[in-house]
Amino acid sequence: MEKVGAYEAKTHLPKLLKLVARGEKIIITKHGVPVATLQAPGSARNIPVREVIKQIRKFRSKHSLNGLSLKEMIAEGRK
């Protein structure tokens, strides 16, 4: 999987589209942070709903909000 900056992606879009047509996936970054994925249509995995729920539960078992509620976090973000 190749990573390219947003400016380079804009400048070299035809070249990147050829790579994608060959099955490659390209991550587009802005200031080093991934912001988009360029990939062929239909290449995204279709994950069964039960598997997604299982993955979310696994993530939640390892991560905690340390007593904060979602409502409190939203209110904090609005300040």
Protein backbone atom coordinates (compact mmCIF):
# COMPACT_ATOMS: atom_id res chain seq x y z
CA MET A 1 0.00 0.00 0.00
CA GLU A 2 1.49 3.25 -1.15
CA LYS A 3 1.14 6.59 0.67
CA VAL A 4 1.19 9.90 -1.19
CA GLY A 5 0.61 13.48 -0.14
CA ALA A 6 -2.51 15.34 -1.29
CA TYR A 7 -0.53 17.67 -3.57
CA GLU A 8 1.27 14.75 -5.23
CA ALA A 9 -2.05 12.89 -5.62
CA LYS A 10 -3.55 15.89 -7.38
CA THR A 11 -0.51 16.32 -9.60
CA HIS A 12 -0.14 12.64 -10.52
CA LEU A 13 -3.76 11.45 -10.49
CA PRO A 14 -3.62 9.66 -13.88
CA LYS A 15 -0.57 7.65 -12.76
CA LEU A 16 -2.26 6.78 -9.45
CA LEU A 17 -5.42 5.69 -11.24
CA LYS A 18 -3.37 3.27 -13.35
CA LEU A 19 -1.91 1.77 -10.17
CA VAL A 20 -5.38 1.43 -8.66
CA ALA A 21 -6.65 -0.23 -11.84
CA ARG A 22 -3.91 -2.85 -11.32
CA GLY A 23 -5.26 -3.59 -7.86
CA GLU A 24 -3.13 -1.33 -5.66
CA LYS A 25 -4.55 0.69 -2.80
CA ILE A 26 -3.20 4.20 -2.17
CA ILE A 27 -3.47 6.19 1.04
CA ILE A 28 -3.64 9.95 0.51
CA THR A 29 -2.21 12.04 3.33
CA LYS A 30 -2.33 15.68 4.32
CA HIS A 31 0.60 16.81 6.44
CA GLY A 32 1.42 13.15 7.05
CA VAL A 33 -2.06 12.27 8.32
CA PRO A 34 -4.13 9.79 6.26
CA VAL A 35 -7.27 11.49 4.92
CA ALA A 36 -8.46 9.22 2.09
CA THR A 37 -8.00 5.87 0.42
CA LEU A 38 -7.89 5.52 -3.34
CA GLN A 39 -8.93 2.01 -4.37
CA ALA A 40 -10.87 0.20 -7.04
CA PRO A 41 -14.63 0.01 -6.54
CA GLY A 42 -15.75 -3.18 -4.91
CA SER A 43 -12.31 -3.85 -3.42
CA ALA A 44 -13.41 -2.90 0.08
CA ARG A 45 -14.10 -5.88 2.27
CA ASN A 46 -17.69 -6.68 3.08
CA ILE A 47 -17.52 -7.67 6.72
CA PRO A 48 -20.52 -9.44 8.23
CA VAL A 49 -22.35 -7.36 10.85
CA ARG A 50 -21.71 -9.93 13.57
CA GLU A 51 -17.95 -9.71 12.91
CA VAL A 52 -18.02 -5.91 13.15
CA ILE A 53 -19.86 -6.10 16.46
CA LYS A 54 -17.31 -8.63 17.71
CA GLN A 55 -14.45 -6.30 16.75
CA ILE A 56 -16.12 -3.32 18.46
CA ARG A 57 -16.61 -5.30 21.66
CA LYS A 58 -12.99 -6.43 21.57
CA PHE A 59 -11.83 -2.81 21.13
CA ARG A 60 -14.07 -1.62 23.98
CA SER A 61 -12.72 -4.30 26.33
CA LYS A 62 -9.22 -2.84 25.93
CA HIS A 63 -10.12 0.87 25.98
CA SER A 64 -11.82 2.87 28.70
CA LEU A 65 -13.24 6.38 29.01
CA ASN A 66 -11.99 6.50 32.62
CA GLY A 67 -15.40 7.41 34.04
CA LEU A 68 -16.27 10.05 31.43
CA SER A 69 -19.62 9.86 29.75
CA LEU A 70 -20.10 10.45 26.06
CA LYS A 71 -22.35 13.43 26.94
CA GLU A 72 -19.53 15.01 29.01
CA MET A 73 -17.02 14.54 26.21
CA ILE A 74 -19.35 16.16 23.68
CA ALA A 75 -19.94 19.10 26.01
CA GLU A 76 -16.18 19.49 26.55
CA GLY A 77 -15.61 19.59 22.80
CA ARG A 78 -18.07 22.45 22.44
CA LYS A 79 -16.14 24.80 24.77
